[in-house]
N, C-alpha and C. Protein backbone atom coordinates (compact mmCIF):
# COMPACT_ATOMS: atom_id res chain seq x y z
N MET A 1 53.71 100.99 67.59
CA MET A 1 54.19 102.01 66.33
C MET A 1 54.01 103.59 66.46
N PHE A 2 55.01 103.99 66.87
CA PHE A 2 54.84 105.49 66.46
C PHE A 2 54.22 106.29 64.99
N PRO A 3 53.68 107.06 64.94
CA PRO A 3 53.36 107.65 63.79
C PRO A 3 54.44 108.03 62.95
N LYS A 4 54.38 108.26 61.79
CA LYS A 4 55.68 108.35 61.03
C LYS A 4 56.42 109.71 61.13
N TYR A 5 55.28 110.70 61.73
CA TYR A 5 55.83 112.13 62.09
C TYR A 5 56.26 111.85 63.40
N GLN A 6 56.40 111.10 64.59
CA GLN A 6 56.72 111.32 65.64
C GLN A 6 58.04 110.40 65.95
N ARG A 7 58.59 109.89 64.74
CA ARG A 7 59.48 109.23 64.33
C ARG A 7 60.83 109.85 63.85
N LEU A 8 61.75 109.62 64.91
CA LEU A 8 62.86 110.39 64.06
C LEU A 8 63.66 110.20 62.80
N ASN A 9 64.12 110.96 61.86
CA ASN A 9 64.91 110.04 60.43
C ASN A 9 66.17 110.23 60.53
N THR A 10 66.93 110.03 60.09
CA THR A 10 68.35 109.78 59.82
C THR A 10 68.89 110.74 60.16
N LYS A 11 68.19 112.11 59.41
CA LYS A 11 68.90 113.12 59.70
C LYS A 11 69.13 113.51 61.14
N ASP A 12 68.03 113.35 61.80
CA ASP A 12 67.95 113.76 63.07
C ASP A 12 68.69 113.12 63.95
N VAL A 13 68.87 111.87 63.81
CA VAL A 13 69.70 110.79 64.67
C VAL A 13 71.17 111.21 64.50
N LEU A 14 71.55 111.56 63.35
CA LEU A 14 72.96 111.84 63.31
C LEU A 14 73.11 113.10 63.84
N PHE A 15 72.56 114.14 63.97
CA PHE A 15 72.23 115.53 64.51
C PHE A 15 72.67 115.18 66.16
N LEU A 16 71.51 114.44 66.33
CA LEU A 16 71.61 113.98 68.00
C LEU A 16 72.70 113.38 68.67
N THR A 17 73.21 112.53 67.90
CA THR A 17 74.58 112.07 68.32
C THR A 17 75.77 112.93 68.27
N LYS A 18 75.83 113.44 67.06
CA LYS A 18 76.56 114.37 67.29
C LYS A 18 76.95 115.95 68.08
N LYS A 19 75.57 116.27 68.31
CA LYS A 19 75.46 116.94 69.33
C LYS A 19 75.69 116.68 71.05
N LYS A 20 75.39 115.45 71.04
CA LYS A 20 75.79 114.80 72.40
C LYS A 20 75.40 115.70 73.77
N THR A 21 74.12 115.91 73.68
CA THR A 21 73.23 116.16 74.69
C THR A 21 72.80 114.61 75.44
N TYR A 22 73.57 114.10 76.34
CA TYR A 22 73.35 112.93 76.68
C TYR A 22 73.02 112.66 78.03
N PHE A 23 71.77 111.69 78.20
CA PHE A 23 71.58 111.34 79.87
C PHE A 23 71.33 109.97 79.87
N SER A 24 72.33 109.19 80.43
CA SER A 24 72.35 107.75 81.22
C SER A 24 71.76 107.38 82.31
N TYR A 25 70.97 106.28 82.02
CA TYR A 25 70.22 105.70 83.60
C TYR A 25 70.14 104.24 83.08
N TRP A 26 70.51 103.46 84.12
CA TRP A 26 70.64 101.91 84.00
C TRP A 26 71.01 101.38 83.29
N PHE A 27 70.02 100.82 82.37
CA PHE A 27 70.66 100.00 80.87
C PHE A 27 70.41 101.29 79.49
N PHE A 28 69.93 102.38 79.78
CA PHE A 28 69.49 103.07 78.54
C PHE A 28 70.26 104.52 78.58
N GLY A 29 70.44 104.55 77.51
CA GLY A 29 71.34 106.27 77.06
C GLY A 29 70.34 106.88 76.32
N PHE A 30 70.11 108.39 76.64
CA PHE A 30 69.10 109.33 75.54
C PHE A 30 69.92 110.10 75.15
N PHE A 31 69.78 110.39 73.90
CA PHE A 31 70.33 111.90 72.86
C PHE A 31 68.74 112.63 73.28
N PHE A 32 69.34 113.77 73.31
CA PHE A 32 67.65 114.70 73.35
C PHE A 32 67.98 115.85 72.91
N ILE A 33 67.46 117.06 72.23
CA ILE A 33 67.25 118.36 72.29
C ILE A 33 65.85 118.51 72.30
N ASN A 34 65.73 119.89 72.37
CA ASN A 34 64.45 120.45 72.32
C ASN A 34 63.69 120.48 71.03
N GLN A 35 62.10 120.32 70.75
CA GLN A 35 61.53 120.09 69.57
C GLN A 35 61.66 121.33 69.35
N TYR A 36 61.58 121.43 67.48
CA TYR A 36 61.06 122.96 67.20
C TYR A 36 60.20 123.69 67.66
N SER A 37 60.01 124.81 68.08
CA SER A 37 58.99 125.37 68.12
C SER A 37 57.31 125.25 67.67
N ASN A 38 57.64 125.00 66.20
CA ASN A 38 56.17 125.13 65.58
C ASN A 38 55.81 123.28 65.52
N ARG A 39 56.60 122.52 66.17
CA ARG A 39 55.88 121.33 66.23
C ARG A 39 55.42 121.15 67.89
N ASN A 40 54.11 120.12 67.73
CA ASN A 40 53.84 120.72 69.43
C ASN A 40 53.89 118.64 69.69
N TYR A 41 54.54 117.93 69.35
CA TYR A 41 54.75 116.86 69.82
C TYR A 41 55.96 116.37 69.59
N ASN A 42 56.51 115.03 70.61
CA ASN A 42 57.96 114.79 70.70
C ASN A 42 57.65 114.06 69.64
N GLN A 43 59.06 113.20 69.48
CA GLN A 43 59.86 112.45 68.27
C GLN A 43 60.89 111.85 68.87
N ILE A 44 60.77 110.50 68.81
CA ILE A 44 61.17 109.32 69.55
C ILE A 44 61.71 108.09 68.67
N SER A 45 62.96 107.74 68.68
CA SER A 45 63.48 106.65 68.09
C SER A 45 64.35 105.90 68.72
N PHE A 46 64.44 104.41 68.74
CA PHE A 46 65.33 103.56 69.80
C PHE A 46 66.06 102.83 68.84
N HIS A 47 67.26 102.31 69.34
CA HIS A 47 67.98 101.51 68.47
C HIS A 47 68.73 100.39 69.80
N VAL A 48 69.00 99.37 69.11
CA VAL A 48 69.36 98.16 69.75
C VAL A 48 70.64 97.79 68.93
N SER A 49 72.04 97.64 69.61
CA SER A 49 73.03 97.58 68.87
C SER A 49 73.37 95.94 68.38
N ILE A 50 73.94 95.76 67.46
CA ILE A 50 74.31 94.39 67.23
C ILE A 50 75.22 93.53 67.85
N LYS A 51 75.72 94.52 68.88
CA LYS A 51 76.61 94.07 69.95
C LYS A 51 75.48 93.28 71.18
N TYR A 52 74.23 93.43 71.29
CA TYR A 52 73.08 93.02 71.78
C TYR A 52 73.00 91.62 71.72
N ASP A 53 73.00 90.85 70.50
CA ASP A 53 72.92 89.91 70.24
C ASP A 53 72.57 90.08 68.31
N LYS A 54 73.35 89.37 67.81
CA LYS A 54 73.36 89.23 66.55
C LYS A 54 72.44 88.85 65.57
N ASN A 55 71.74 88.20 66.27
CA ASN A 55 70.24 87.47 66.26
C ASN A 55 69.12 88.95 66.11
N ALA A 56 68.99 89.19 64.78
CA ALA A 56 67.91 90.40 64.91
C ALA A 56 66.49 89.72 64.96
N THR A 57 65.80 88.73 65.58
CA THR A 57 64.74 88.33 65.91
C THR A 57 64.79 88.89 67.48
N ALA A 58 65.99 88.57 68.05
CA ALA A 58 66.36 89.09 69.74
C ALA A 58 65.95 90.48 69.59
N ARG A 59 66.96 90.99 68.53
CA ARG A 59 66.74 92.51 68.80
C ARG A 59 65.72 93.37 68.63
N ASN A 60 65.11 92.95 67.59
CA ASN A 60 63.87 93.24 67.80
C ASN A 60 62.72 93.36 68.35
N VAL A 61 62.60 91.91 69.46
CA VAL A 61 61.59 91.82 70.45
C VAL A 61 62.21 92.61 71.45
N LEU A 62 63.03 93.08 71.89
CA LEU A 62 63.92 94.04 72.72
C LEU A 62 63.39 95.42 72.15
N LYS A 63 63.50 96.10 71.25
CA LYS A 63 63.17 97.17 70.43
C LYS A 63 61.60 97.16 70.37
N ARG A 64 60.63 96.52 69.86
CA ARG A 64 59.02 96.34 70.18
C ARG A 64 58.69 96.86 71.51
N ALA A 65 59.46 95.84 72.46
CA ALA A 65 59.01 96.16 73.82
C ALA A 65 59.42 97.46 74.39
N VAL A 66 60.53 97.73 74.22
CA VAL A 66 60.85 99.62 74.46
C VAL A 66 60.28 100.90 74.05
N ILE A 67 59.51 100.15 72.47
CA ILE A 67 58.64 101.29 71.70
C ILE A 67 57.31 101.21 72.57
N LYS A 68 56.85 100.00 72.82
CA LYS A 68 55.38 99.86 73.31
C LYS A 68 55.39 100.83 74.46
N GLN A 69 56.51 100.35 75.38
CA GLN A 69 56.27 101.07 76.53
C GLN A 69 56.40 102.60 76.40
N ALA A 70 57.56 103.28 75.60
CA ALA A 70 57.56 104.69 75.36
C ALA A 70 56.18 104.75 74.88
N GLU A 71 55.32 104.29 74.00
CA GLU A 71 54.29 104.91 73.34
C GLU A 71 53.63 105.19 74.87
N THR A 72 52.95 104.16 75.71
CA THR A 72 52.32 104.30 76.90
C THR A 72 52.86 105.52 78.05
N LEU A 73 54.24 105.53 77.58
CA LEU A 73 54.60 106.57 78.89
C LEU A 73 54.78 107.89 78.58
N THR A 74 54.77 108.07 76.93
CA THR A 74 54.46 109.37 76.39
C THR A 74 53.05 109.78 76.10
N LYS A 75 52.13 109.11 76.28
CA LYS A 75 50.49 109.31 75.77
C LYS A 75 50.47 110.21 77.50
N LYS A 76 51.41 109.67 78.43
CA LYS A 76 50.86 110.59 79.81
C LYS A 76 51.41 111.87 79.97
N TRP A 77 51.95 111.91 78.68
CA TRP A 77 52.95 113.62 79.03
C TRP A 77 52.07 114.28 79.00
N LEU A 78 51.94 115.63 79.43
CA LEU A 78 50.86 116.99 79.24
C LEU A 78 52.32 118.06 79.44
N LEU A 79 53.19 118.06 78.25
CA LEU A 79 54.27 119.11 78.82
C LEU A 79 54.37 120.32 77.78
N ALA A 80 54.68 121.18 78.15
CA ALA A 80 54.98 122.57 77.49
C ALA A 80 56.52 122.69 76.35
N LYS A 81 57.31 121.57 76.69
CA LYS A 81 58.19 121.20 76.06
C LYS A 81 58.30 120.08 75.74
N HIS A 82 58.01 119.87 74.09
CA HIS A 82 58.73 118.73 73.61
C HIS A 82 60.29 118.36 72.87
N GLN A 83 60.20 117.17 72.94
CA GLN A 83 61.68 116.52 72.47
C GLN A 83 61.96 115.63 71.79
N LYS A 84 63.00 115.57 70.83
CA LYS A 84 63.63 115.03 70.14
C LYS A 84 64.30 113.73 71.01
N ILE A 85 63.98 112.74 71.08
CA ILE A 85 65.01 111.63 71.70
C ILE A 85 65.22 110.21 70.97
N PHE A 86 66.73 110.33 71.14
CA PHE A 86 67.15 109.26 70.48
C PHE A 86 67.38 108.30 71.52
N ILE A 87 66.91 106.77 71.44
CA ILE A 87 67.48 105.62 72.85
C ILE A 87 68.07 104.91 72.72
N THR A 88 69.25 104.54 73.13
CA THR A 88 70.00 103.28 72.92
C THR A 88 70.28 102.45 73.92
N LEU A 89 70.42 101.46 73.88
CA LEU A 89 70.94 100.76 75.31
C LEU A 89 72.40 101.21 75.85
N ASN A 90 72.81 101.44 76.78
CA ASN A 90 74.12 101.76 77.34
C ASN A 90 75.16 100.40 76.82
N LYS A 91 76.48 100.74 76.36
CA LYS A 91 77.02 99.76 76.05
C LYS A 91 77.85 99.41 76.97
N ASN A 92 78.35 100.10 77.96
CA ASN A 92 78.84 99.89 79.24
C ASN A 92 78.30 99.00 80.00
N LYS A 93 77.02 98.91 80.22
CA LYS A 93 76.39 98.03 80.98
C LYS A 93 75.69 96.72 80.09
N LEU A 94 76.00 96.63 78.83
CA LEU A 94 75.45 95.71 77.98
C LEU A 94 75.36 94.45 78.57
N PRO A 95 76.88 94.00 78.51
CA PRO A 95 77.24 92.43 79.28
C PRO A 95 76.32 92.24 80.61
N LEU A 96 75.87 93.03 81.11
CA LEU A 96 74.97 92.83 82.30
C LEU A 96 73.93 92.39 82.07
N LEU A 97 73.31 93.17 81.22
CA LEU A 97 71.97 92.60 80.68
C LEU A 97 71.69 91.78 79.63
N GLN A 98 72.80 91.07 79.02
CA GLN A 98 72.91 90.11 78.05
C GLN A 98 73.15 88.79 79.17
N LYS A 99 73.54 88.91 80.34
CA LYS A 99 73.95 87.73 81.41
C LYS A 99 72.39 87.55 81.96
N GLU A 100 71.90 88.71 82.04
CA GLU A 100 70.73 88.66 82.96
C GLU A 100 69.56 88.09 82.16
N PHE A 101 69.46 88.51 80.62
CA PHE A 101 68.37 87.85 80.05
C PHE A 101 69.01 85.99 79.11
N GLU A 102 69.97 86.15 79.33
CA GLU A 102 70.52 84.78 79.21
C GLU A 102 69.83 83.60 79.54
N LYS A 103 69.09 83.43 80.34
CA LYS A 103 68.37 82.11 80.56
C LYS A 103 66.80 82.64 80.49
N MET A 104 66.32 83.25 80.65
CA MET A 104 64.86 84.01 80.56
C MET A 104 64.03 83.82 79.44
N GLU A 105 62.84 83.31 79.92
CA GLU A 105 62.08 83.31 79.08
C GLU A 105 61.51 84.75 78.23
N LYS A 106 61.23 84.60 76.70
CA LYS A 106 60.63 85.70 76.12
C LYS A 106 59.94 86.88 76.75
N LYS A 107 58.65 86.30 77.58
CA LYS A 107 57.55 86.96 77.86
C LYS A 107 58.59 87.88 79.68
N ASN A 108 59.05 87.04 80.00
CA ASN A 108 60.04 87.38 81.20
C ASN A 108 60.96 88.74 80.58
N ILE A 109 61.65 88.65 79.62
CA ILE A 109 62.54 89.50 79.44
C ILE A 109 61.50 90.87 78.62
N ILE A 110 60.65 90.48 78.26
CA ILE A 110 59.79 91.71 77.82
C ILE A 110 59.47 92.74 78.99
N LEU A 111 59.31 92.16 79.68
CA LEU A 111 58.20 92.83 81.01
C LEU A 111 59.57 93.13 81.77
N ARG A 112 60.57 92.62 81.97
CA ARG A 112 61.69 92.94 82.92
C ARG A 112 62.43 94.40 81.74
N ILE A 113 62.21 94.33 80.52
CA ILE A 113 63.09 95.34 79.65
C ILE A 113 62.06 96.51 79.77
N GLN A 114 60.93 96.38 79.54
CA GLN A 114 59.33 97.55 80.03
C GLN A 114 59.87 97.97 81.50
N ASN A 115 60.19 97.22 82.31
CA ASN A 115 60.21 97.74 83.72
C ASN A 115 61.45 98.87 84.03
N TYR A 116 62.83 98.30 82.84
CA TYR A 116 63.96 98.83 83.17
C TYR A 116 63.82 100.37 82.48
N PHE A 117 63.04 100.18 81.57
CA PHE A 117 62.78 101.35 80.74
C PHE A 117 61.78 102.21 81.60
N THR A 118 61.00 102.14 82.12
CA THR A 118 60.17 102.96 83.05
C THR A 118 61.08 103.51 83.65
N GLN A 119 61.39 102.87 84.29
CA GLN A 119 62.67 103.60 85.68
C GLN A 119 63.75 104.71 84.70
N SER A 120 64.12 104.42 83.93
CA SER A 120 65.28 105.31 82.73
C SER A 120 64.24 106.33 82.46
N PHE A 121 63.19 106.20 81.67
CA PHE A 121 62.63 107.09 81.39
C PHE A 121 62.05 108.03 82.59
N THR A 122 61.71 107.42 83.62
CA THR A 122 61.37 108.46 84.80
C THR A 122 62.31 109.40 85.01
N ALA A 123 63.61 108.80 85.07
CA ALA A 123 64.60 109.80 85.82
C ALA A 123 65.18 110.89 84.45
N LEU A 124 64.67 110.15 83.54
CA LEU A 124 65.04 111.07 82.21
C LEU A 124 64.05 112.57 82.50
N SER A 125 62.78 112.07 82.57
CA SER A 125 61.65 113.04 82.78
C SER A 125 62.09 114.40 83.83
N LYS A 126 62.58 113.59 84.90
CA LYS A 126 62.99 114.48 86.23
C LYS A 126 63.93 115.29 85.86
N HIS A 127 64.88 114.56 84.75
CA HIS A 127 66.33 115.49 84.52
C HIS A 127 65.60 116.42 83.79
N LEU A 128 64.95 116.31 82.90
CA LEU A 128 64.26 117.06 81.64
C LEU A 128 63.35 118.38 82.22
N TRP A 129 62.29 118.11 82.80
CA TRP A 129 61.55 118.62 83.43
C TRP A 129 61.43 118.88 84.57
N ASN A 130 62.30 118.42 85.54
CA ASN A 130 62.41 118.51 87.13
C ASN A 130 60.71 118.19 87.54
N SER A 131 60.44 117.27 86.79
CA SER A 131 59.02 116.67 87.89
C SER A 131 58.80 115.39 87.25
N SER A 132 58.12 115.06 88.19
CA SER A 132 57.57 113.54 88.21
C SER A 132 56.34 113.39 87.76
N ALA A 133 56.28 113.57 85.99
CA ALA A 133 55.26 113.68 86.16
C ALA A 133 54.37 112.56 85.57
N ILE A 134 55.48 111.62 85.26
CA ILE A 134 55.11 109.82 84.68
C ILE A 134 54.80 108.94 85.69
């Protein structure tokens, strides 16, 4: 879990979604802006829509897996520019994700979603920083 100062609050999430600086890759969508100049860290939050699964337990499993992978990836960042990033599941690809995970075990779902997130986050980093630092 990210420390509290590295998580986005509601006000930031609303601002990011209204500003609509958006990047989508695979199953994930990223809303982002540059971090304030006086803050030398990234702020990240993640949301899983109820459209993915009405069961909160299933959504939390997915959310925790992505957050754990995001922590791992952000520890590798050595960047001059920091970002505020709000991560969501791409609602257009949601049925594909649900169909793929339908008959999988929890452990395999976690590994698969972390792999998809790594690919998406790498694409985002190339988009933002024109590098393959991750």
